[in-house]
């Protein structure tokens, strides 16, 4: 399954992948002031 099908957002803060296969293991999005901006909410 393509990595983009595993999570809803196109942009993430960190993506932790398996070293040999580059298979996504963890998707991390940090909460911050920029995440509540009008342009972010529009996405």
PDB file of N, CA and C in Angstrom:
ATOM      1  N   UNK A   1       0.844  -1.175   0.000  1.00  0.00           N
ATOM      2  CA  UNK A   1       0.000   0.000   0.000  1.00  0.00           C
ATOM      3  C   UNK A   1       0.894   1.245   0.000  1.00  0.00           C
ATOM      4  N   UNK A   2       0.622   2.224  -0.854  1.00  0.00           N
ATOM      5  CA  UNK A   2       1.419   3.459  -0.869  1.00  0.00           C
ATOM      6  C   UNK A   2       1.315   4.204   0.455  1.00  0.00           C
ATOM      7  N   UNK A   3       2.394   4.852   0.840  1.00  0.00           N
ATOM      8  CA  UNK A   3       2.449   5.541   2.134  1.00  0.00           C
ATOM      9  C   UNK A   3       1.362   6.589   2.254  1.00  0.00           C
ATOM     10  N   UNK A   4       1.032   7.278   1.173  1.00  0.00           N
ATOM     11  CA  UNK A   4       0.016   8.327   1.219  1.00  0.00           C
ATOM     12  C   UNK A   4      -1.366   7.821   1.584  1.00  0.00           C
ATOM     13  N   UNK A   5      -1.623   6.550   1.395  1.00  0.00           N
ATOM     14  CA  UNK A   5      -2.920   5.963   1.743  1.00  0.00           C
ATOM     15  C   UNK A   5      -3.043   5.685   3.236  1.00  0.00           C
ATOM     16  N   UNK A   6      -1.917   5.745   3.960  1.00  0.00           N
ATOM     17  CA  UNK A   6      -1.922   5.394   5.374  1.00  0.00           C
ATOM     18  C   UNK A   6      -2.254   6.562   6.287  1.00  0.00           C
ATOM     19  N   UNK A   7      -2.159   7.794   5.777  1.00  0.00           N
ATOM     20  CA  UNK A   7      -2.477   8.954   6.598  1.00  0.00           C
ATOM     21  C   UNK A   7      -3.134  10.016   5.737  1.00  0.00           C
ATOM     22  N   UNK A   8      -3.906  10.912   6.355  1.00  0.00           N
ATOM     23  CA  UNK A   8      -4.762  11.843   5.628  1.00  0.00           C
ATOM     24  C   UNK A   8      -4.032  13.080   5.120  1.00  0.00           C
ATOM     25  N   UNK A   9      -3.031  13.543   5.830  1.00  0.00           N
ATOM     26  CA  UNK A   9      -2.371  14.798   5.480  1.00  0.00           C
ATOM     27  C   UNK A   9      -1.251  14.586   4.477  1.00  0.00           C
ATOM     28  N   UNK A  10      -1.026  15.601   3.632  1.00  0.00           N
ATOM     29  CA  UNK A  10       0.069  15.541   2.669  1.00  0.00           C
ATOM     30  C   UNK A  10       1.383  15.959   3.306  1.00  0.00           C
ATOM     31  N   UNK A  11       1.318  16.750   4.376  1.00  0.00           N
ATOM     32  CA  UNK A  11       2.518  17.265   5.021  1.00  0.00           C
ATOM     33  C   UNK A  11       2.583  16.756   6.450  1.00  0.00           C
ATOM     34  N   UNK A  12       3.719  16.245   6.829  1.00  0.00           N
ATOM     35  CA  UNK A  12       3.937  15.781   8.201  1.00  0.00           C
ATOM     36  C   UNK A  12       5.232  16.396   8.700  1.00  0.00           C
ATOM     37  N   UNK A  13       5.394  16.434  10.020  1.00  0.00           N
ATOM     38  CA  UNK A  13       6.619  16.975  10.598  1.00  0.00           C
ATOM     39  C   UNK A  13       7.751  15.954  10.549  1.00  0.00           C
ATOM     40  N   UNK A  14       7.436  14.710  10.854  1.00  0.00           N
ATOM     41  CA  UNK A  14       8.441  13.645  10.825  1.00  0.00           C
ATOM     42  C   UNK A  14       7.810  12.370  10.282  1.00  0.00           C
ATOM     43  N   UNK A  15       8.578  11.660   9.495  1.00  0.00           N
ATOM     44  CA  UNK A  15       8.166  10.357   9.001  1.00  0.00           C
ATOM     45  C   UNK A  15       9.305   9.387   9.312  1.00  0.00           C
ATOM     46  N   UNK A  16       9.017   8.389  10.135  1.00  0.00           N
ATOM     47  CA  UNK A  16      10.021   7.398  10.518  1.00  0.00           C
ATOM     48  C   UNK A  16       9.777   6.153   9.669  1.00  0.00           C
ATOM     49  N   UNK A  17      10.822   5.745   8.925  1.00  0.00           N
ATOM     50  CA  UNK A  17      10.690   4.618   8.007  1.00  0.00           C
ATOM     51  C   UNK A  17      11.618   3.477   8.407  1.00  0.00           C
ATOM     52  N   UNK A  18      11.257   2.290   7.957  1.00  0.00           N
ATOM     53  CA  UNK A  18      12.125   1.128   8.114  1.00  0.00           C
ATOM     54  C   UNK A  18      13.352   1.346   7.222  1.00  0.00           C
ATOM     55  N   UNK A  19      14.503   1.123   7.745  1.00  0.00           N
ATOM     56  CA  UNK A  19      15.750   1.457   7.054  1.00  0.00           C
ATOM     57  C   UNK A  19      15.922   0.724   5.712  1.00  0.00           C
ATOM     58  N   UNK A  20      15.691  -0.561   5.690  1.00  0.00           N
ATOM     59  CA  UNK A  20      15.966  -1.337   4.471  1.00  0.00           C
ATOM     60  C   UNK A  20      14.923  -1.140   3.381  1.00  0.00           C
ATOM     61  N   UNK A  21      13.662  -1.044   3.760  1.00  0.00           N
ATOM     62  CA  UNK A  21      12.592  -0.988   2.756  1.00  0.00           C
ATOM     63  C   UNK A  21      11.989   0.401   2.586  1.00  0.00           C
ATOM     64  N   UNK A  22      12.305   1.316   3.496  1.00  0.00           N
ATOM     65  CA  UNK A  22      11.720   2.661   3.511  1.00  0.00           C
ATOM     66  C   UNK A  22      10.204   2.625   3.730  1.00  0.00           C
ATOM     67  N   UNK A  23       9.719   1.532   4.308  1.00  0.00           N
ATOM     68  CA  UNK A  23       8.299   1.415   4.646  1.00  0.00           C
ATOM     69  C   UNK A  23       8.014   2.331   5.827  1.00  0.00           C
ATOM     70  N   UNK A  24       6.988   3.186   5.731  1.00  0.00           N
ATOM     71  CA  UNK A  24       6.666   4.083   6.850  1.00  0.00           C
ATOM     72  C   UNK A  24       6.280   3.299   8.104  1.00  0.00           C
ATOM     73  N   UNK A  25       6.857   3.684   9.230  1.00  0.00           N
ATOM     74  CA  UNK A  25       6.535   3.067  10.512  1.00  0.00           C
ATOM     75  C   UNK A  25       5.705   4.008  11.379  1.00  0.00           C
ATOM     76  N   UNK A  26       6.115   5.279  11.427  1.00  0.00           N
ATOM     77  CA  UNK A  26       5.443   6.275  12.263  1.00  0.00           C
ATOM     78  C   UNK A  26       5.309   7.572  11.495  1.00  0.00           C
ATOM     79  N   UNK A  27       4.169   8.218  11.624  1.00  0.00           N
ATOM     80  CA  UNK A  27       3.945   9.553  11.085  1.00  0.00           C
ATOM     81  C   UNK A  27       3.711  10.454  12.278  1.00  0.00           C
ATOM     82  N   UNK A  28       4.514  11.510  12.404  1.00  0.00           N
ATOM     83  CA  UNK A  28       4.448  12.388  13.567  1.00  0.00           C
ATOM     84  C   UNK A  28       4.120  13.798  13.107  1.00  0.00           C
ATOM     85  N   UNK A  29       3.063  14.356  13.679  1.00  0.00           N
ATOM     86  CA  UNK A  29       2.713  15.749  13.421  1.00  0.00           C
ATOM     87  C   UNK A  29       2.711  16.475  14.756  1.00  0.00           C
ATOM     88  N   UNK A  30       3.485  17.529  14.839  1.00  0.00           N
ATOM     89  CA  UNK A  30       3.590  18.307  16.065  1.00  0.00           C
ATOM     90  C   UNK A  30       2.527  19.390  16.093  1.00  0.00           C
ATOM     91  N   UNK A  31       1.974  19.649  17.260  1.00  0.00           N
ATOM     92  CA  UNK A  31       1.050  20.756  17.417  1.00  0.00           C
ATOM     93  C   UNK A  31       1.856  22.030  17.600  1.00  0.00           C
ATOM     94  N   UNK A  32       1.476  23.061  16.902  1.00  0.00           N
ATOM     95  CA  UNK A  32       2.169  24.333  17.013  1.00  0.00           C
ATOM     96  C   UNK A  32       1.271  25.459  16.529  1.00  0.00           C
ATOM     97  N   UNK A  33       1.723  26.681  16.664  1.00  0.00           N
ATOM     98  CA  UNK A  33       0.933  27.844  16.291  1.00  0.00           C
ATOM     99  C   UNK A  33       0.576  27.827  14.804  1.00  0.00           C
ATOM    100  N   UNK A  34       1.468  27.360  13.964  1.00  0.00           N
ATOM    101  CA  UNK A  34       1.210  27.355  12.523  1.00  0.00           C
ATOM    102  C   UNK A  34       0.117  26.367  12.120  1.00  0.00           C
ATOM    103  N   UNK A  35      -0.160  25.374  12.954  1.00  0.00           N
ATOM    104  CA  UNK A  35      -1.162  24.371  12.615  1.00  0.00           C
ATOM    105  C   UNK A  35      -2.584  24.911  12.727  1.00  0.00           C
ATOM    106  N   UNK A  36      -2.775  26.007  13.415  1.00  0.00           N
ATOM    107  CA  UNK A  36      -4.103  26.580  13.558  1.00  0.00           C
ATOM    108  C   UNK A  36      -4.345  27.780  12.665  1.00  0.00           C
ATOM    109  N   UNK A  37      -3.422  28.062  11.742  1.00  0.00           N
ATOM    110  CA  UNK A  37      -3.559  29.229  10.880  1.00  0.00           C
ATOM    111  C   UNK A  37      -4.673  29.033   9.863  1.00  0.00           C
ATOM    112  N   UNK A  38      -5.162  30.116   9.278  1.00  0.00           N
ATOM    113  CA  UNK A  38      -6.248  30.045   8.297  1.00  0.00           C
ATOM    114  C   UNK A  38      -5.840  29.230   7.077  1.00  0.00           C
ATOM    115  N   UNK A  39      -4.607  29.386   6.602  1.00  0.00           N
ATOM    116  CA  UNK A  39      -4.179  28.637   5.413  1.00  0.00           C
ATOM    117  C   UNK A  39      -4.088  27.138   5.703  1.00  0.00           C
ATOM    118  N   UNK A  40      -3.703  26.796   6.907  1.00  0.00           N
ATOM    119  CA  UNK A  40      -3.641  25.373   7.275  1.00  0.00           C
ATOM    120  C   UNK A  40      -5.038  24.789   7.392  1.00  0.00           C
ATOM    121  N   UNK A  41      -5.968  25.536   7.973  1.00  0.00           N
ATOM    122  CA  UNK A  41      -7.321  25.046   8.111  1.00  0.00           C
ATOM    123  C   UNK A  41      -7.987  24.844   6.751  1.00  0.00           C
ATOM    124  N   UNK A  42      -7.615  25.651   5.761  1.00  0.00           N
ATOM    125  CA  UNK A  42      -8.191  25.545   4.431  1.00  0.00           C
ATOM    126  C   UNK A  42      -7.782  24.244   3.754  1.00  0.00           C
ATOM    127  N   UNK A  43      -6.594  23.699   4.098  1.00  0.00           N
ATOM    128  CA  UNK A  43      -6.146  22.444   3.517  1.00  0.00           C
ATOM    129  C   UNK A  43      -6.932  21.349   4.125  1.00  0.00           C
TER     130      UNK A  43
END
